[in-house]
């Protein structure tokens, strides 16, 4: 068992050690607390970042190895970085020092995911003094951020008969969602028709409610998808929107009642991308030749309904995985099954504003937004900075992530002027803060 990370500082300035700046109130600024950021939409609110990259990319500040195998992204909170990794036959949760990359603690979570594409996918969710994680085998656990001590755990497969949609007859990719913490509860997706989603008390793990799956539709496959839930307040009702095996659903936050569902956007292999929610609408997309849809949640004869405003065929827009960004009424993403070709679509109409474009990236692209720019990370390890503009595709720099040997799938994270890239066993941290004028 490895006790610590092997680290190598690239930049020795004392100032570079201070990865985080304090706000006037004394708290840490610009934390990235969970999957796709604070609001689960893939967007950072930071400004003052590099608008273009020099040749070879931004300055590498820190390279730390020893994170284990896996595709989990990272949460950055205060002076710590949290993630998951596989070590031999064991899956672990890790806390690292943001200053020097050293492991502060490791906590076993369960069995490793031994497979060609093995390793955890879930990103930790950090709330106050605790973090919440989901293993590939379905263990949902609460740990103390300070020590890694386990507070409670439940098992989605064993306790709720949870399972994944049968991807090509298997469930090789296993549980991949990142837990949602909303107030006093943790929301996860076992995927069983009798427990499609469940709410657990975040202090002790006790069940609050479970969702009866109901008849969503014939497309797709039974079970959980590989997406993560988000919060919507469509029609004034707080609800959790999730992309499961049979499609997109809305579940009432208070009771777990299924409020509405939409089947057409589901494929029968893997529904992956986290839906976009805004106003009374939901935008969802999936690959495998399926497509994308904009839904409006409306009052129907028997409650809420999902009304399809438009559907885009796969030839126009399909996001395999890598996610969607909504910025100023434009959806930016990578399209094409396992292609990641950059594209911009007007969300109100579905009109393609530009794209699909070709670039040096290969296969799917994980995308994050900050300060007017899209950070597109391709499966081959190519990072490309793109202007988030409806007027056209404009690259603003690129570089290659070092030592890529497996699919480069972990989503980019931006926190306090730093770009965090998990590449299997290694964490790379880049300085993307723009220099002071003059």
Protein backbone atom coordinates (compact mmCIF):
# COMPACT_ATOMS: atom_id res chain seq x y z
CA UNK A 1 0.00 0.00 0.00
CA UNK A 2 1.37 3.39 -1.03
CA UNK A 3 1.47 5.83 1.85
CA UNK A 4 2.07 9.08 -0.05
CA UNK A 5 2.27 10.71 -3.44
CA UNK A 6 5.43 11.09 -5.40
CA UNK A 7 5.46 14.80 -6.25
CA UNK A 8 7.51 17.07 -8.43
CA UNK A 9 7.31 20.84 -8.35
CA UNK A 10 7.71 22.49 -11.71
CA UNK A 11 7.60 26.07 -10.44
CA UNK A 12 9.45 26.86 -7.23
CA UNK A 13 8.16 30.37 -6.55
CA UNK A 14 6.68 30.67 -3.07
CA UNK A 15 3.73 32.51 -4.58
CA UNK A 16 2.90 29.48 -6.72
CA UNK A 17 2.41 27.45 -3.58
CA UNK A 18 -0.57 29.57 -2.62
CA UNK A 19 -3.13 27.88 -4.82
CA UNK A 20 -6.04 29.64 -3.19
CA UNK A 21 -6.80 33.24 -2.26
CA UNK A 22 -8.89 34.27 0.71
CA UNK A 23 -12.01 36.37 0.31
CA UNK A 24 -12.70 39.38 2.52
CA UNK A 25 -14.92 37.24 4.69
CA UNK A 26 -12.06 34.85 5.40
CA UNK A 27 -13.45 31.95 3.35
CA UNK A 28 -11.80 30.31 0.38
CA UNK A 29 -12.85 31.70 -3.00
CA UNK A 30 -13.90 29.85 -6.15
CA UNK A 31 -14.08 26.30 -4.81
CA UNK A 32 -15.14 23.51 -7.18
CA UNK A 33 -17.18 21.47 -4.74
CA UNK A 34 -18.63 18.69 -6.89
CA UNK A 35 -19.29 17.23 -10.33
CA UNK A 36 -19.39 20.04 -12.93
CA UNK A 37 -18.86 22.73 -10.32
CA UNK A 38 -20.94 24.46 -7.68
CA UNK A 39 -24.08 24.62 -9.83
CA UNK A 40 -23.50 21.32 -11.69
CA UNK A 41 -23.57 23.09 -15.04
CA UNK A 42 -19.88 22.87 -15.98
CA UNK A 43 -19.38 26.61 -15.53
CA UNK A 44 -16.94 28.54 -13.38
CA UNK A 45 -17.74 32.13 -12.42
CA UNK A 46 -14.08 33.08 -12.26
CA UNK A 47 -12.76 35.97 -14.32
CA UNK A 48 -9.30 37.34 -14.95
CA UNK A 49 -8.18 34.15 -16.71
CA UNK A 50 -5.95 33.77 -19.75
CA UNK A 51 -7.93 34.52 -22.90
CA UNK A 52 -5.41 32.68 -25.04
CA UNK A 53 -2.65 30.20 -24.33
CA UNK A 54 1.00 30.52 -25.29
CA UNK A 55 2.55 27.89 -27.51
CA UNK A 56 2.76 24.67 -25.51
CA UNK A 57 -0.05 25.72 -23.19
CA UNK A 58 -0.21 27.46 -19.81
CA UNK A 59 2.49 27.06 -17.16
CA UNK A 60 2.49 23.73 -15.35
CA UNK A 61 2.63 24.40 -11.61
CA UNK A 62 2.28 20.98 -10.09
CA UNK A 63 2.50 17.36 -11.16
CA UNK A 64 1.58 14.77 -8.54
CA UNK A 65 1.42 11.03 -9.09
CA UNK A 66 -0.19 8.32 -6.99
CA UNK A 67 -3.93 8.90 -7.48
CA UNK A 68 -4.54 5.36 -8.68
CA UNK A 69 -6.38 4.26 -11.79
CA UNK A 70 -9.66 5.84 -12.76
CA UNK A 71 -11.63 8.52 -14.55
CA UNK A 72 -12.98 10.43 -11.56
CA UNK A 73 -12.61 14.17 -11.75
CA UNK A 74 -11.63 16.20 -8.68
CA UNK A 75 -13.33 18.45 -6.15
CA UNK A 76 -11.23 21.39 -4.94
CA UNK A 77 -12.29 22.90 -1.63
CA UNK A 78 -10.12 25.17 0.49
CA UNK A 79 -6.60 23.81 0.55
CA UNK A 80 -7.58 20.26 -0.44
CA UNK A 81 -8.29 18.20 -3.53
CA UNK A 82 -10.55 15.13 -3.34
CA UNK A 83 -10.89 12.25 -5.79
CA UNK A 84 -11.17 8.44 -6.09
CA UNK A 85 -8.81 5.85 -7.50
CA UNK A 86 -8.24 2.11 -7.85
CA UNK A 87 -5.19 0.57 -6.15
CA UNK A 88 -4.84 -3.10 -7.00
CA UNK A 89 -8.08 -4.76 -5.94
CA UNK A 90 -9.20 -1.83 -3.77
CA UNK A 91 -11.04 1.39 -4.59
CA UNK A 92 -10.14 4.36 -2.38
CA UNK A 93 -11.14 7.94 -1.65
CA UNK A 94 -8.21 10.35 -1.41
CA UNK A 95 -7.61 13.83 -0.03
CA UNK A 96 -4.56 15.70 -1.33
CA UNK A 97 -2.90 18.91 -0.31
CA UNK A 98 -3.52 21.54 -2.99
CA UNK A 99 -0.21 23.16 -2.11
CA UNK A 100 2.16 20.28 -2.75
CA UNK A 101 0.07 17.31 -3.92
CA UNK A 102 0.82 15.09 -0.94
CA UNK A 103 -1.84 12.64 0.19
CA UNK A 104 -3.38 13.71 3.48
CA UNK A 105 -5.49 10.59 3.88
CA UNK A 106 -6.80 7.58 1.96
CA UNK A 107 -9.92 5.61 2.81
CA UNK A 108 -10.90 2.24 1.30
CA UNK A 109 -14.35 2.31 -0.29
CA UNK A 110 -14.72 -1.17 -1.72
CA UNK A 111 -13.64 -3.42 -4.56
CA UNK A 112 -11.76 -1.98 -7.52
CA UNK A 113 -13.27 -1.93 -10.99
CA UNK A 114 -11.10 -4.47 -12.81
CA UNK A 115 -11.88 -4.02 -16.50
CA UNK A 116 -10.43 -2.70 -19.73
CA UNK A 117 -12.01 0.67 -18.94
CA UNK A 118 -11.92 0.14 -15.18
CA UNK A 119 -11.61 2.66 -12.41
CA UNK A 120 -14.03 4.97 -10.59
CA UNK A 121 -16.01 7.64 -12.44
CA UNK A 122 -17.75 9.45 -9.58
CA UNK A 123 -16.58 12.88 -8.42
CA UNK A 124 -16.78 13.54 -4.65
CA UNK A 125 -19.37 16.03 -3.44
CA UNK A 126 -18.07 18.21 -0.59
CA UNK A 127 -20.45 19.92 1.84
CA UNK A 128 -19.05 21.52 4.96
CA UNK A 129 -17.01 19.01 6.96
CA UNK A 130 -18.14 15.98 4.95
CA UNK A 131 -17.84 14.52 1.48
CA UNK A 132 -20.08 12.03 -0.32
CA UNK A 133 -18.84 9.46 -2.81
CA UNK A 134 -20.20 6.58 -4.90
CA UNK A 135 -18.11 3.56 -5.82
CA UNK A 136 -18.41 1.65 -9.08
CA UNK A 137 -19.95 -1.26 -7.11
CA UNK A 138 -22.68 1.02 -5.74
CA UNK A 139 -21.38 1.94 -2.28
CA UNK A 140 -22.58 5.42 -1.31
CA UNK A 141 -20.59 6.75 1.66
CA UNK A 142 -20.18 9.85 3.79
CA UNK A 143 -16.68 10.67 5.06
CA UNK A 144 -15.15 13.36 7.22
CA UNK A 145 -13.14 15.81 5.13
CA UNK A 146 -10.53 16.28 7.86
CA UNK A 147 -9.61 12.66 8.43
CA UNK A 148 -11.42 10.46 5.86
CA UNK A 149 -13.20 8.69 8.70
CA UNK A 150 -16.33 6.98 7.46
CA UNK A 151 -19.58 8.30 8.96
CA UNK A 152 -22.01 6.00 7.15
CA UNK A 153 -22.45 3.89 4.05
CA UNK A 154 -25.25 2.28 2.06
CA UNK A 155 -25.17 -0.08 -0.92
CA UNK A 156 -27.32 0.70 -3.96
CA UNK A 157 -27.15 -2.79 -5.43
CA UNK A 158 -27.55 -4.81 -2.25
CA UNK A 159 -30.09 -2.62 -0.42
CA UNK A 160 -32.12 -1.14 -3.29
CA UNK A 161 -31.69 -3.82 -6.01
CA UNK A 162 -29.88 -1.21 -8.07
CA UNK A 163 -28.45 -1.90 -11.48
CA UNK A 164 -27.25 -0.12 -14.60
CA UNK A 165 -28.91 -0.12 -17.99
CA UNK A 166 -27.58 -3.15 -19.83
CA UNK A 167 -24.88 -1.71 -22.02
CA UNK A 168 -24.49 -4.15 -24.90
CA UNK A 169 -25.68 -6.93 -22.61
CA UNK A 170 -23.31 -6.03 -19.77
CA UNK A 171 -22.89 -3.46 -17.02
CA UNK A 172 -19.14 -3.11 -17.49
CA UNK A 173 -19.11 0.62 -16.81
CA UNK A 174 -20.97 0.26 -13.51
CA UNK A 175 -22.18 3.05 -11.24
CA UNK A 176 -20.81 6.36 -12.46
CA UNK A 177 -22.97 9.17 -11.06
CA UNK A 178 -21.76 11.79 -8.62
CA UNK A 179 -24.05 12.12 -5.56
CA UNK A 180 -26.19 15.23 -5.30
CA UNK A 181 -26.49 16.86 -1.87
CA UNK A 182 -29.54 19.08 -1.51
CA UNK A 183 -30.15 20.50 1.95
CA UNK A 184 -30.44 17.65 4.44
CA UNK A 185 -30.47 14.85 1.88
CA UNK A 186 -28.25 12.96 -0.55
CA UNK A 187 -29.78 11.96 -3.89
CA UNK A 188 -28.57 8.89 -5.78
CA UNK A 189 -29.93 6.63 -8.52
CA UNK A 190 -30.10 2.86 -7.87
CA UNK A 191 -32.07 2.44 -11.10
CA UNK A 192 -34.51 -0.25 -9.97
CA UNK A 193 -38.14 0.18 -10.97
CA UNK A 194 -39.04 0.19 -7.26
CA UNK A 195 -36.20 2.52 -6.30
CA UNK A 196 -35.31 4.49 -9.39
CA UNK A 197 -33.93 7.28 -7.21
CA UNK A 198 -33.55 7.49 -3.44
CA UNK A 199 -33.06 10.29 -0.93
CA UNK A 200 -30.90 9.57 2.11
CA UNK A 201 -30.43 11.68 5.22
CA UNK A 202 -26.99 13.18 4.73
CA UNK A 203 -26.13 12.99 8.44
CA UNK A 204 -26.82 9.28 8.97
CA UNK A 205 -27.71 7.70 5.61
CA UNK A 206 -31.26 6.76 6.61
CA UNK A 207 -33.76 6.50 3.79
CA UNK A 208 -36.14 9.46 3.35
CA UNK A 209 -37.95 8.32 0.20
CA UNK A 210 -37.60 6.19 -2.91
CA UNK A 211 -39.04 6.74 -6.39
CA UNK A 212 -41.27 4.21 -8.10
CA UNK A 213 -40.05 4.03 -11.69
CA UNK A 214 -43.31 3.76 -13.57
CA UNK A 215 -43.71 3.40 -17.33
CA UNK A 216 -41.25 5.79 -18.94
CA UNK A 217 -41.36 4.36 -22.47
CA UNK A 218 -40.07 1.64 -24.79
CA UNK A 219 -36.75 3.21 -25.83
CA UNK A 220 -33.55 2.73 -23.88
CA UNK A 221 -33.09 0.06 -21.24
CA UNK A 222 -34.13 -0.48 -17.63
CA UNK A 223 -31.73 0.65 -14.93
CA UNK A 224 -29.70 3.70 -14.01
CA UNK A 225 -27.83 5.62 -16.66
CA UNK A 226 -24.35 7.07 -16.31
CA UNK A 227 -25.55 10.62 -15.69
CA UNK A 228 -25.80 12.68 -12.48
CA UNK A 229 -28.89 14.45 -11.10
CA UNK A 230 -29.39 18.21 -11.06
CA UNK A 231 -31.87 20.50 -9.28
CA UNK A 232 -34.69 22.23 -11.15
CA UNK A 233 -37.48 24.49 -9.93
CA UNK A 234 -39.61 24.17 -13.06
CA UNK A 235 -43.19 25.40 -12.54
CA UNK A 236 -42.25 26.42 -9.00
CA UNK A 237 -41.73 22.85 -7.84
CA UNK A 238 -38.31 21.77 -6.57
CA UNK A 239 -37.36 18.60 -8.41
CA UNK A 240 -34.42 16.42 -9.35
CA UNK A 241 -33.80 15.92 -13.05
CA UNK A 242 -31.90 12.78 -14.01
CA UNK A 243 -31.12 10.86 -17.22
CA UNK A 244 -31.81 7.19 -16.48
CA UNK A 245 -31.83 4.15 -18.74
CA UNK A 246 -35.29 4.85 -20.15
CA UNK A 247 -34.92 8.62 -20.53
CA UNK A 248 -35.04 11.90 -18.64
CA UNK A 249 -37.17 12.13 -15.50
CA UNK A 250 -38.21 14.77 -12.99
CA UNK A 251 -38.68 13.66 -9.37
CA UNK A 252 -40.33 15.77 -6.67
CA UNK A 253 -37.74 16.76 -4.09
CA UNK A 254 -40.11 16.64 -1.15
CA UNK A 255 -41.61 13.20 -1.69
CA UNK A 256 -39.72 11.33 -4.42
CA UNK A 257 -42.82 11.21 -6.61
CA UNK A 258 -42.09 10.99 -10.33
CA UNK A 259 -43.48 14.18 -11.81
CA UNK A 260 -42.75 13.66 -15.49
CA UNK A 261 -40.64 11.63 -17.90
CA UNK A 262 -39.41 11.79 -21.50
CA UNK A 263 -38.35 8.72 -23.44
CA UNK A 264 -37.35 9.75 -26.96
CA UNK A 265 -33.81 10.88 -26.15
CA UNK A 266 -32.83 7.53 -24.57
CA UNK A 267 -30.56 5.03 -26.29
CA UNK A 268 -30.22 1.37 -25.30
CA UNK A 269 -26.47 1.38 -24.57
CA UNK A 270 -25.49 4.29 -22.31
CA UNK A 271 -27.21 7.57 -21.44
CA UNK A 272 -24.40 9.68 -20.07
CA UNK A 273 -24.53 13.48 -20.36
CA UNK A 274 -25.93 15.43 -17.40
CA UNK A 275 -29.01 17.39 -18.57
CA UNK A 276 -29.07 21.18 -18.65
CA UNK A 277 -31.87 22.76 -16.61
CA UNK A 278 -32.93 26.40 -16.86
CA UNK A 279 -36.18 28.26 -16.28
CA UNK A 280 -38.95 25.68 -16.94
CA UNK A 281 -36.87 23.84 -19.53
CA UNK A 282 -34.55 20.87 -19.86
CA UNK A 283 -32.03 20.15 -22.62
CA UNK A 284 -30.80 16.58 -22.94
CA UNK A 285 -28.62 14.72 -25.41
CA UNK A 286 -27.27 11.21 -25.92
CA UNK A 287 -25.06 9.38 -28.38
CA UNK A 288 -25.23 6.01 -30.13
CA UNK A 289 -27.16 7.57 -33.00
CA UNK A 290 -29.88 9.12 -30.83
CA UNK A 291 -29.92 12.95 -30.71
CA UNK A 292 -30.98 15.85 -28.52
CA UNK A 293 -34.18 17.45 -27.24
CA UNK A 294 -35.38 20.65 -25.64
CA UNK A 295 -38.26 20.09 -23.22
CA UNK A 296 -40.59 22.50 -21.50
CA UNK A 297 -42.11 21.36 -18.23
CA UNK A 298 -45.79 22.31 -18.34
CA UNK A 299 -48.96 21.79 -16.33
CA UNK A 300 -50.93 18.88 -17.78
CA UNK A 301 -54.27 17.29 -17.03
CA UNK A 302 -52.75 15.01 -14.36
CA UNK A 303 -49.79 17.08 -13.19
CA UNK A 304 -46.51 18.13 -14.76
CA UNK A 305 -45.61 16.95 -18.25
CA UNK A 306 -42.52 17.25 -20.44
CA UNK A 307 -43.51 18.89 -23.71
CA UNK A 308 -41.03 18.47 -26.54
CA UNK A 309 -40.20 21.85 -28.08
CA UNK A 310 -37.88 20.31 -30.67
CA UNK A 311 -35.82 17.22 -31.33
CA UNK A 312 -32.46 17.27 -33.10
CA UNK A 313 -31.53 14.10 -34.92
CA UNK A 314 -28.14 12.54 -34.30
CA UNK A 315 -26.88 13.91 -37.61
CA UNK A 316 -27.36 17.42 -36.17
CA UNK A 317 -26.39 16.99 -32.51
CA UNK A 318 -25.60 13.98 -30.34
CA UNK A 319 -23.36 14.18 -27.31
CA UNK A 320 -21.81 10.81 -26.53
CA UNK A 321 -20.20 11.96 -23.31
CA UNK A 322 -18.24 14.99 -22.22
CA UNK A 323 -21.22 17.14 -21.38
CA UNK A 324 -23.01 20.31 -22.43
CA UNK A 325 -22.48 23.99 -21.64
CA UNK A 326 -25.25 26.58 -21.78
CA UNK A 327 -23.95 30.14 -22.04
CA UNK A 328 -26.00 33.17 -23.06
CA UNK A 329 -28.71 31.03 -24.70
CA UNK A 330 -26.24 28.94 -26.70
CA UNK A 331 -25.44 25.27 -26.13
CA UNK A 332 -21.76 24.46 -26.69
CA UNK A 333 -20.62 20.86 -26.80
CA UNK A 334 -18.90 18.17 -28.80
CA UNK A 335 -21.10 16.32 -31.28
CA UNK A 336 -20.89 13.02 -33.13
CA UNK A 337 -20.76 9.63 -31.48
CA UNK A 338 -17.31 9.43 -29.91
CA UNK A 339 -16.26 12.39 -32.04
CA UNK A 340 -16.45 15.56 -29.95
CA UNK A 341 -16.64 17.91 -32.93
CA UNK A 342 -17.21 21.42 -31.50
CA UNK A 343 -20.66 22.84 -32.21
CA UNK A 344 -22.81 25.78 -31.10
CA UNK A 345 -26.61 25.60 -31.13
CA UNK A 346 -29.16 28.29 -30.26
CA UNK A 347 -31.04 26.72 -27.35
CA UNK A 348 -34.39 28.38 -28.08
CA UNK A 349 -34.65 27.21 -31.68
CA UNK A 350 -32.19 24.36 -32.10
CA UNK A 351 -30.55 26.24 -34.97
CA UNK A 352 -26.90 25.35 -35.54
CA UNK A 353 -24.89 28.57 -35.26
CA UNK A 354 -21.60 27.00 -36.26
CA UNK A 355 -19.99 23.60 -36.54
CA UNK A 356 -19.42 20.76 -36.42
CA UNK A 357 -15.76 21.75 -36.59
CA UNK A 358 -12.63 19.63 -36.89
CA UNK A 359 -9.55 20.19 -34.76
CA UNK A 360 -6.54 18.28 -33.42
CA UNK A 361 -8.63 16.54 -30.75
CA UNK A 362 -9.65 12.94 -31.23
CA UNK A 363 -12.83 11.19 -30.04
CA UNK A 364 -15.09 12.56 -27.29
CA UNK A 365 -14.45 15.90 -25.59
CA UNK A 366 -15.14 16.79 -21.95
CA UNK A 367 -16.00 20.49 -21.80
CA UNK A 368 -15.84 23.12 -19.03
CA UNK A 369 -16.52 26.88 -19.26
CA UNK A 370 -14.84 29.87 -17.61
CA UNK A 371 -14.43 33.57 -18.42
CA UNK A 372 -15.72 33.44 -21.99
CA UNK A 373 -13.77 30.33 -22.93
CA UNK A 374 -14.49 26.62 -23.42
CA UNK A 375 -11.92 24.15 -22.12
CA UNK A 376 -12.25 21.08 -24.35
CA UNK A 377 -10.39 17.96 -23.29
CA UNK A 378 -10.23 15.20 -25.87
CA UNK A 379 -9.88 11.48 -25.39
CA UNK A 380 -6.39 11.53 -26.92
CA UNK A 381 -5.20 14.05 -24.31
CA UNK A 382 -5.43 17.19 -26.45
CA UNK A 383 -6.60 20.30 -24.57
CA UNK A 384 -8.10 23.09 -26.70
CA UNK A 385 -9.20 26.55 -25.58
CA UNK A 386 -12.14 27.87 -27.63
CA UNK A 387 -13.90 31.22 -27.52
CA UNK A 388 -17.50 30.79 -26.37
CA UNK A 389 -18.98 32.89 -29.14
CA UNK A 390 -22.09 32.33 -31.27
CA UNK A 391 -20.30 33.99 -34.19
CA UNK A 392 -17.88 31.21 -35.04
CA UNK A 393 -15.33 28.64 -33.94
CA UNK A 394 -12.19 30.39 -32.70
CA UNK A 395 -9.37 28.45 -31.11
CA UNK A 396 -7.29 30.32 -28.56
CA UNK A 397 -4.58 27.76 -27.91
CA UNK A 398 -3.91 24.09 -27.30
CA UNK A 399 -1.50 21.68 -25.65
CA UNK A 400 -1.04 17.96 -25.04
CA UNK A 401 -1.54 16.44 -21.60
CA UNK A 402 1.61 14.44 -20.81
CA UNK A 403 1.81 10.65 -20.60
CA UNK A 404 -1.68 9.75 -21.83
CA UNK A 405 -1.95 5.97 -22.14
CA UNK A 406 -5.68 5.38 -21.60
CA UNK A 407 -8.76 7.36 -22.72
CA UNK A 408 -8.38 10.89 -21.32
CA UNK A 409 -11.91 11.28 -19.97
CA UNK A 410 -11.71 13.07 -16.62
CA UNK A 411 -13.47 16.44 -16.80
CA UNK A 412 -11.41 19.65 -16.47
CA UNK A 413 -11.77 21.57 -13.21
CA UNK A 414 -11.13 25.31 -12.75
CA UNK A 415 -10.56 26.71 -9.28
CA UNK A 416 -8.79 29.87 -8.14
CA UNK A 417 -7.02 30.56 -11.41
CA UNK A 418 -5.85 26.96 -11.75
CA UNK A 419 -6.76 24.27 -14.26
CA UNK A 420 -6.84 20.78 -12.73
CA UNK A 421 -6.51 17.78 -15.02
CA UNK A 422 -6.69 14.27 -13.59
CA UNK A 423 -4.93 11.82 -15.89
CA UNK A 424 -5.34 8.40 -14.28
CA UNK A 425 -2.60 8.16 -11.62
CA UNK A 426 -1.42 11.74 -12.11
CA UNK A 427 -2.78 15.20 -11.33
CA UNK A 428 -1.60 18.13 -13.45
CA UNK A 429 -2.25 21.68 -12.26
CA UNK A 430 -1.79 24.64 -14.62
CA UNK A 431 -1.70 28.39 -14.00
CA UNK A 432 -4.43 29.98 -16.12
CA UNK A 433 -4.64 33.30 -14.26
CA UNK A 434 -4.01 36.28 -16.50
CA UNK A 435 -1.07 38.48 -15.46
CA UNK A 436 -1.75 41.88 -13.95
CA UNK A 437 -1.77 44.64 -16.60
CA UNK A 438 1.47 46.57 -16.90
